[in-house]
Amino acid sequence: MVIKKLLGHKVLLALLILYTIIITWASLARLIIPFKVGVQGSDKIGHCVAYFIFTLLWFLFFFFSEIKNKNFKQSLLSSSVICFFFGALMELLQMFLTNYRSPDWYDVIANTSGIVFVVMLLKGFERKLLVLKHKIHTLS
């Protein structure tokens, strides 16, 4: 019953809206990082992780939402396409809306890597996710 509530439409929608706001803010705000990260390419790792989570949330929203009611492939494709274009849009908006951020097309590649990683992970768990969805919808 707890899983059904956590994967309910309203909870997933609220998480999705919150995370979208966070990603938008992180993409367009003037960020001041008070410490130097000593790992080369660490911002690309951050992009990859952020879009991994972003795509996962969109997938969960499409796949488990009783209102959207998409199948596994539709959920995977929809979430991947939305997140890819959102990431590209953020890079374009950095170019046109800010003078303190610059677009980096390597960020789009890093975002896409996060999307690909989550797609591979979800494909690996497809059968288990289908069983979980069936169990959740039969609990009513």
N, C-alpha and C. Protein backbone atom coordinates (compact mmCIF):
# COMPACT_ATOMS: atom_id res chain seq x y z
N MET A 1 0.82 -1.20 0.00
CA MET A 1 0.00 0.00 0.00
C MET A 1 0.87 1.26 0.00
N VAL A 2 1.99 1.23 0.73
CA VAL A 2 2.88 2.39 0.78
C VAL A 2 3.49 2.63 -0.60
N ILE A 3 3.90 1.56 -1.28
CA ILE A 3 4.48 1.70 -2.61
C ILE A 3 3.46 2.30 -3.56
N LYS A 4 2.21 1.87 -3.45
CA LYS A 4 1.17 2.41 -4.33
C LYS A 4 1.01 3.92 -4.13
N LYS A 5 1.07 4.37 -2.87
CA LYS A 5 0.96 5.80 -2.60
C LYS A 5 2.18 6.56 -3.11
N LEU A 6 3.38 5.98 -2.91
CA LEU A 6 4.60 6.64 -3.36
C LEU A 6 4.67 6.74 -4.88
N LEU A 7 4.10 5.76 -5.55
CA LEU A 7 4.11 5.76 -7.01
C LEU A 7 2.81 6.28 -7.60
N GLY A 8 2.02 6.96 -6.78
CA GLY A 8 0.77 7.55 -7.24
C GLY A 8 1.01 8.78 -8.09
N HIS A 9 0.02 9.13 -8.87
CA HIS A 9 0.12 10.24 -9.82
C HIS A 9 0.51 11.56 -9.14
N LYS A 10 -0.13 11.89 -8.05
CA LYS A 10 0.11 13.19 -7.40
C LYS A 10 1.52 13.28 -6.82
N VAL A 11 1.98 12.21 -6.19
CA VAL A 11 3.33 12.21 -5.60
C VAL A 11 4.38 12.31 -6.70
N LEU A 12 4.23 11.49 -7.74
CA LEU A 12 5.19 11.53 -8.84
C LEU A 12 5.18 12.88 -9.56
N LEU A 13 4.00 13.45 -9.74
CA LEU A 13 3.89 14.76 -10.39
C LEU A 13 4.57 15.83 -9.54
N ALA A 14 4.36 15.80 -8.24
CA ALA A 14 4.99 16.78 -7.35
C ALA A 14 6.52 16.65 -7.39
N LEU A 15 7.03 15.42 -7.36
CA LEU A 15 8.48 15.20 -7.45
C LEU A 15 9.02 15.70 -8.79
N LEU A 16 8.29 15.42 -9.84
CA LEU A 16 8.71 15.83 -11.17
C LEU A 16 8.76 17.35 -11.31
N ILE A 17 7.75 18.02 -10.81
CA ILE A 17 7.72 19.48 -10.86
C ILE A 17 8.87 20.07 -10.04
N LEU A 18 9.06 19.56 -8.84
CA LEU A 18 10.14 20.05 -7.99
C LEU A 18 11.50 19.83 -8.64
N TYR A 19 11.74 18.65 -9.16
CA TYR A 19 13.03 18.36 -9.78
C TYR A 19 13.24 19.18 -11.06
N THR A 20 12.19 19.40 -11.81
CA THR A 20 12.30 20.23 -13.02
C THR A 20 12.67 21.66 -12.65
N ILE A 21 12.08 22.16 -11.59
CA ILE A 21 12.43 23.51 -11.11
C ILE A 21 13.89 23.56 -10.69
N ILE A 22 14.34 22.54 -9.98
CA ILE A 22 15.73 22.49 -9.53
C ILE A 22 16.69 22.45 -10.72
N ILE A 23 16.40 21.61 -11.70
CA ILE A 23 17.27 21.51 -12.90
C ILE A 23 17.27 22.83 -13.66
N THR A 24 16.11 23.45 -13.79
CA THR A 24 16.03 24.73 -14.50
C THR A 24 16.85 25.78 -13.77
N TRP A 25 16.68 25.85 -12.45
CA TRP A 25 17.44 26.82 -11.66
C TRP A 25 18.94 26.55 -11.78
N ALA A 26 19.34 25.29 -11.62
CA ALA A 26 20.76 24.96 -11.70
C ALA A 26 21.34 25.25 -13.09
N SER A 27 20.51 25.19 -14.11
CA SER A 27 20.98 25.44 -15.47
C SER A 27 21.08 26.92 -15.80
N LEU A 28 20.24 27.73 -15.17
CA LEU A 28 20.16 29.15 -15.57
C LEU A 28 20.64 30.14 -14.51
N ALA A 29 20.76 29.71 -13.27
CA ALA A 29 21.15 30.63 -12.21
C ALA A 29 22.66 30.87 -12.22
N ARG A 30 23.03 31.96 -11.60
CA ARG A 30 24.46 32.25 -11.42
C ARG A 30 24.89 31.45 -10.18
N LEU A 31 25.58 30.37 -10.43
CA LEU A 31 25.99 29.49 -9.34
C LEU A 31 27.37 29.87 -8.84
N ILE A 32 27.46 30.00 -7.54
CA ILE A 32 28.75 30.27 -6.92
C ILE A 32 29.10 29.04 -6.09
N ILE A 33 30.13 28.36 -6.51
CA ILE A 33 30.57 27.16 -5.80
C ILE A 33 31.72 27.57 -4.89
N PRO A 34 31.53 27.43 -3.58
CA PRO A 34 32.50 27.96 -2.62
C PRO A 34 33.79 27.15 -2.51
N PHE A 35 33.87 26.05 -3.19
CA PHE A 35 35.08 25.23 -3.12
C PHE A 35 35.42 24.70 -4.50
N LYS A 36 36.67 24.38 -4.70
CA LYS A 36 37.13 23.87 -5.99
C LYS A 36 37.08 22.35 -5.97
N VAL A 37 36.40 21.79 -6.94
CA VAL A 37 36.34 20.34 -7.08
C VAL A 37 37.56 19.92 -7.89
N GLY A 38 38.36 19.04 -7.33
CA GLY A 38 39.61 18.66 -7.96
C GLY A 38 39.51 17.58 -9.01
N VAL A 39 38.30 17.25 -9.43
CA VAL A 39 38.11 16.19 -10.42
C VAL A 39 37.82 16.83 -11.77
N GLN A 40 38.68 16.53 -12.76
CA GLN A 40 38.47 17.09 -14.09
C GLN A 40 37.19 16.52 -14.69
N GLY A 41 36.36 17.39 -15.23
CA GLY A 41 35.10 16.97 -15.83
C GLY A 41 34.02 16.68 -14.82
N SER A 42 34.19 17.14 -13.58
CA SER A 42 33.21 16.84 -12.54
C SER A 42 31.84 17.45 -12.85
N ASP A 43 31.81 18.57 -13.57
CA ASP A 43 30.50 19.13 -13.92
C ASP A 43 29.78 18.23 -14.92
N LYS A 44 30.54 17.54 -15.76
CA LYS A 44 29.92 16.60 -16.70
C LYS A 44 29.35 15.40 -15.96
N ILE A 45 30.03 14.96 -14.92
CA ILE A 45 29.50 13.88 -14.08
C ILE A 45 28.21 14.34 -13.42
N GLY A 46 28.19 15.60 -12.97
CA GLY A 46 26.99 16.17 -12.37
C GLY A 46 25.83 16.20 -13.37
N HIS A 47 26.11 16.59 -14.60
CA HIS A 47 25.08 16.58 -15.65
C HIS A 47 24.55 15.17 -15.87
N CYS A 48 25.45 14.22 -15.94
CA CYS A 48 25.06 12.83 -16.19
C CYS A 48 24.15 12.32 -15.06
N VAL A 49 24.54 12.57 -13.83
CA VAL A 49 23.74 12.12 -12.68
C VAL A 49 22.41 12.85 -12.64
N ALA A 50 22.43 14.16 -12.86
CA ALA A 50 21.19 14.95 -12.81
C ALA A 50 20.18 14.46 -13.86
N TYR A 51 20.64 14.17 -15.05
CA TYR A 51 19.72 13.72 -16.10
C TYR A 51 19.36 12.25 -15.97
N PHE A 52 20.20 11.47 -15.29
CA PHE A 52 19.83 10.10 -14.93
C PHE A 52 18.59 10.15 -14.03
N ILE A 53 18.67 10.98 -12.99
CA ILE A 53 17.56 11.12 -12.04
C ILE A 53 16.34 11.72 -12.74
N PHE A 54 16.56 12.75 -13.55
CA PHE A 54 15.48 13.43 -14.26
C PHE A 54 14.71 12.46 -15.15
N THR A 55 15.44 11.66 -15.92
CA THR A 55 14.81 10.69 -16.81
C THR A 55 14.09 9.61 -16.02
N LEU A 56 14.70 9.18 -14.93
CA LEU A 56 14.07 8.16 -14.08
C LEU A 56 12.74 8.67 -13.53
N LEU A 57 12.72 9.91 -13.06
CA LEU A 57 11.47 10.47 -12.53
C LEU A 57 10.40 10.57 -13.61
N TRP A 58 10.78 11.02 -14.80
CA TRP A 58 9.81 11.09 -15.89
C TRP A 58 9.30 9.69 -16.25
N PHE A 59 10.20 8.71 -16.28
CA PHE A 59 9.79 7.35 -16.58
C PHE A 59 8.78 6.85 -15.54
N LEU A 60 9.11 7.02 -14.27
CA LEU A 60 8.22 6.57 -13.20
C LEU A 60 6.86 7.25 -13.31
N PHE A 61 6.87 8.53 -13.63
CA PHE A 61 5.61 9.27 -13.79
C PHE A 61 4.77 8.67 -14.91
N PHE A 62 5.36 8.47 -16.06
CA PHE A 62 4.61 7.92 -17.19
C PHE A 62 4.19 6.47 -16.94
N PHE A 63 5.10 5.67 -16.41
CA PHE A 63 4.86 4.24 -16.30
C PHE A 63 3.88 3.88 -15.18
N PHE A 64 4.00 4.51 -14.02
CA PHE A 64 3.18 4.13 -12.88
C PHE A 64 1.93 4.98 -12.69
N SER A 65 1.86 6.11 -13.36
CA SER A 65 0.69 6.98 -13.20
C SER A 65 -0.54 6.31 -13.81
N GLU A 66 -1.57 6.21 -13.01
CA GLU A 66 -2.82 5.63 -13.50
C GLU A 66 -3.48 6.55 -14.52
N ILE A 67 -3.18 7.82 -14.45
CA ILE A 67 -3.77 8.78 -15.37
C ILE A 67 -3.08 8.72 -16.74
N LYS A 68 -1.75 8.63 -16.74
CA LYS A 68 -1.01 8.57 -18.01
C LYS A 68 -1.10 7.18 -18.62
N ASN A 69 -0.95 6.15 -17.80
CA ASN A 69 -1.13 4.75 -18.19
C ASN A 69 -0.42 4.37 -19.49
N LYS A 70 0.87 4.67 -19.56
CA LYS A 70 1.67 4.29 -20.73
C LYS A 70 2.34 2.95 -20.47
N ASN A 71 2.62 2.22 -21.54
CA ASN A 71 3.33 0.96 -21.38
C ASN A 71 4.82 1.23 -21.18
N PHE A 72 5.59 0.19 -21.00
CA PHE A 72 7.01 0.33 -20.69
C PHE A 72 7.76 1.09 -21.80
N LYS A 73 7.61 0.65 -23.04
CA LYS A 73 8.33 1.28 -24.15
C LYS A 73 7.92 2.73 -24.34
N GLN A 74 6.62 3.01 -24.25
CA GLN A 74 6.15 4.40 -24.39
C GLN A 74 6.72 5.27 -23.28
N SER A 75 6.74 4.75 -22.07
CA SER A 75 7.26 5.50 -20.93
C SER A 75 8.74 5.79 -21.10
N LEU A 76 9.47 4.79 -21.54
CA LEU A 76 10.92 4.93 -21.74
C LEU A 76 11.22 5.94 -22.85
N LEU A 77 10.53 5.82 -23.96
CA LEU A 77 10.75 6.73 -25.07
C LEU A 77 10.33 8.15 -24.72
N SER A 78 9.16 8.31 -24.14
CA SER A 78 8.67 9.65 -23.78
C SER A 78 9.62 10.34 -22.80
N SER A 79 10.02 9.64 -21.77
CA SER A 79 10.90 10.25 -20.76
C SER A 79 12.25 10.61 -21.37
N SER A 80 12.79 9.75 -22.21
CA SER A 80 14.10 10.01 -22.83
C SER A 80 14.05 11.22 -23.75
N VAL A 81 13.03 11.29 -24.58
CA VAL A 81 12.91 12.40 -25.54
C VAL A 81 12.70 13.72 -24.81
N ILE A 82 11.82 13.72 -23.82
CA ILE A 82 11.56 14.95 -23.06
C ILE A 82 12.84 15.44 -22.39
N CYS A 83 13.56 14.55 -21.76
CA CYS A 83 14.76 14.96 -21.03
C CYS A 83 15.87 15.42 -21.98
N PHE A 84 16.01 14.75 -23.11
CA PHE A 84 17.01 15.18 -24.09
C PHE A 84 16.72 16.60 -24.57
N PHE A 85 15.49 16.85 -25.00
CA PHE A 85 15.15 18.17 -25.52
C PHE A 85 15.17 19.24 -24.42
N PHE A 86 14.81 18.87 -23.21
CA PHE A 86 14.88 19.82 -22.10
C PHE A 86 16.34 20.24 -21.86
N GLY A 87 17.24 19.27 -21.87
CA GLY A 87 18.67 19.57 -21.68
C GLY A 87 19.21 20.47 -22.78
N ALA A 88 18.84 20.18 -24.02
CA ALA A 88 19.28 21.02 -25.14
C ALA A 88 18.69 22.42 -25.02
N LEU A 89 17.42 22.50 -24.61
CA LEU A 89 16.78 23.80 -24.41
C LEU A 89 17.50 24.61 -23.33
N MET A 90 17.90 23.99 -22.25
CA MET A 90 18.61 24.70 -21.18
C MET A 90 19.92 25.29 -21.70
N GLU A 91 20.61 24.54 -22.55
CA GLU A 91 21.86 25.07 -23.13
C GLU A 91 21.58 26.27 -24.03
N LEU A 92 20.51 26.20 -24.83
CA LEU A 92 20.15 27.33 -25.67
C LEU A 92 19.74 28.54 -24.83
N LEU A 93 18.98 28.29 -23.77
CA LEU A 93 18.56 29.40 -22.91
C LEU A 93 19.75 30.04 -22.20
N GLN A 94 20.77 29.26 -21.89
CA GLN A 94 21.98 29.84 -21.30
C GLN A 94 22.61 30.85 -22.27
N MET A 95 22.54 30.53 -23.54
CA MET A 95 23.13 31.41 -24.55
C MET A 95 22.30 32.69 -24.71
N PHE A 96 20.98 32.57 -24.68
CA PHE A 96 20.12 33.71 -25.00
C PHE A 96 19.63 34.49 -23.78
N LEU A 97 19.55 33.86 -22.62
CA LEU A 97 18.98 34.53 -21.46
C LEU A 97 20.00 34.99 -20.42
N THR A 98 21.21 34.48 -20.49
CA THR A 98 22.19 34.85 -19.47
C THR A 98 23.45 35.40 -20.13
N ASN A 99 24.17 36.21 -19.36
CA ASN A 99 25.48 36.65 -19.82
C ASN A 99 26.57 36.12 -18.90
N TYR A 100 26.17 35.29 -17.95
CA TYR A 100 27.11 34.71 -16.99
C TYR A 100 27.22 33.19 -17.14
N ARG A 101 26.45 32.61 -18.04
CA ARG A 101 26.53 31.18 -18.33
C ARG A 101 26.77 31.03 -19.82
N SER A 102 27.53 30.04 -20.18
CA SER A 102 27.75 29.80 -21.61
C SER A 102 27.35 28.38 -21.95
N PRO A 103 26.71 28.22 -23.10
CA PRO A 103 26.29 26.87 -23.50
C PRO A 103 27.51 26.00 -23.80
N ASP A 104 27.38 24.76 -23.46
CA ASP A 104 28.46 23.81 -23.70
C ASP A 104 27.81 22.55 -24.25
N TRP A 105 28.06 22.26 -25.50
CA TRP A 105 27.39 21.12 -26.12
C TRP A 105 27.90 19.80 -25.55
N TYR A 106 29.03 19.84 -24.85
CA TYR A 106 29.47 18.65 -24.13
C TYR A 106 28.54 18.37 -22.94
N ASP A 107 27.89 19.41 -22.45
CA ASP A 107 26.87 19.20 -21.40
C ASP A 107 25.70 18.39 -21.95
N VAL A 108 25.32 18.65 -23.20
CA VAL A 108 24.24 17.89 -23.83
C VAL A 108 24.65 16.43 -23.95
N ILE A 109 25.91 16.20 -24.29
CA ILE A 109 26.41 14.82 -24.38
C ILE A 109 26.40 14.16 -23.00
N ALA A 110 26.80 14.91 -21.98
CA ALA A 110 26.77 14.37 -20.61
C ALA A 110 25.34 14.08 -20.17
N ASN A 111 24.42 14.99 -20.49
CA ASN A 111 23.00 14.76 -20.18
C ASN A 111 22.51 13.49 -20.87
N THR A 112 22.87 13.36 -22.14
CA THR A 112 22.44 12.21 -22.92
C THR A 112 23.04 10.92 -22.34
N SER A 113 24.24 10.99 -21.83
CA SER A 113 24.84 9.81 -21.19
C SER A 113 24.01 9.37 -19.99
N GLY A 114 23.56 10.32 -19.19
CA GLY A 114 22.70 9.99 -18.05
C GLY A 114 21.41 9.34 -18.51
N ILE A 115 20.86 9.86 -19.60
CA ILE A 115 19.62 9.30 -20.15
C ILE A 115 19.86 7.87 -20.63
N VAL A 116 20.95 7.65 -21.33
CA VAL A 116 21.27 6.31 -21.84
C VAL A 116 21.49 5.33 -20.69
N PHE A 117 22.20 5.76 -19.65
CA PHE A 117 22.45 4.89 -18.50
C PHE A 117 21.14 4.45 -17.84
N VAL A 118 20.21 5.39 -17.66
CA VAL A 118 18.95 5.02 -17.01
C VAL A 118 18.12 4.12 -17.92
N VAL A 119 18.19 4.33 -19.22
CA VAL A 119 17.46 3.47 -20.16
C VAL A 119 18.00 2.05 -20.05
N MET A 120 19.32 1.89 -20.02
CA MET A 120 19.92 0.56 -19.90
C MET A 120 19.53 -0.10 -18.58
N LEU A 121 19.55 0.68 -17.50
CA LEU A 121 19.17 0.14 -16.19
C LEU A 121 17.72 -0.31 -16.19
N LEU A 122 16.84 0.55 -16.69
CA LEU A 122 15.42 0.21 -16.71
C LEU A 122 15.14 -0.99 -17.61
N LYS A 123 15.82 -1.08 -18.74
CA LYS A 123 15.64 -2.25 -19.61
C LYS A 123 16.04 -3.52 -18.87
N GLY A 124 17.07 -3.43 -18.04
CA GLY A 124 17.49 -4.58 -17.25
C GLY A 124 16.46 -5.01 -16.22
N PHE A 125 15.66 -4.07 -15.77
CA PHE A 125 14.63 -4.34 -14.76
C PHE A 125 13.22 -4.35 -15.33
N GLU A 126 13.10 -4.41 -16.64
CA GLU A 126 11.79 -4.31 -17.29
C GLU A 126 10.79 -5.31 -16.74
N ARG A 127 11.16 -6.57 -16.66
CA ARG A 127 10.21 -7.60 -16.20
C ARG A 127 9.78 -7.34 -14.76
N LYS A 128 10.72 -6.96 -13.91
CA LYS A 128 10.38 -6.70 -12.51
C LYS A 128 9.47 -5.47 -12.39
N LEU A 129 9.72 -4.46 -13.21
CA LEU A 129 8.88 -3.27 -13.19
C LEU A 129 7.46 -3.57 -13.68
N LEU A 130 7.36 -4.42 -14.70
CA LEU A 130 6.04 -4.81 -15.19
C LEU A 130 5.26 -5.59 -14.13
N VAL A 131 5.95 -6.47 -13.41
CA VAL A 131 5.30 -7.23 -12.33
C VAL A 131 4.86 -6.27 -11.23
N LEU A 132 5.73 -5.33 -10.86
CA LEU A 132 5.40 -4.37 -9.81
C LEU A 132 4.19 -3.52 -10.22
N LYS A 133 4.16 -3.07 -11.45
CA LYS A 133 3.03 -2.26 -11.93
C LYS A 133 1.74 -3.07 -11.86
N HIS A 134 1.80 -4.33 -12.26
CA HIS A 134 0.62 -5.18 -12.22
C HIS A 134 0.14 -5.37 -10.77
N LYS A 135 1.07 -5.60 -9.85
CA LYS A 135 0.72 -5.76 -8.44
C LYS A 135 0.08 -4.50 -7.87
N ILE A 136 0.65 -3.37 -8.20
CA ILE A 136 0.14 -2.09 -7.69
C ILE A 136 -1.29 -1.85 -8.19
N HIS A 137 -1.53 -2.11 -9.47
CA HIS A 137 -2.84 -1.84 -10.05
C HIS A 137 -3.88 -2.87 -9.63
N THR A 138 -3.46 -4.04 -9.16
CA THR A 138 -4.43 -5.03 -8.70
C THR A 138 -4.72 -4.90 -7.21
N LEU A 139 -3.98 -4.03 -6.51
CA LEU A 139 -4.22 -3.82 -5.07
C LEU A 139 -5.49 -3.03 -4.80
N SER A 140 -6.01 -2.34 -5.77
CA SER A 140 -7.16 -1.45 -5.57
C SER A 140 -8.38 -2.14 -5.08
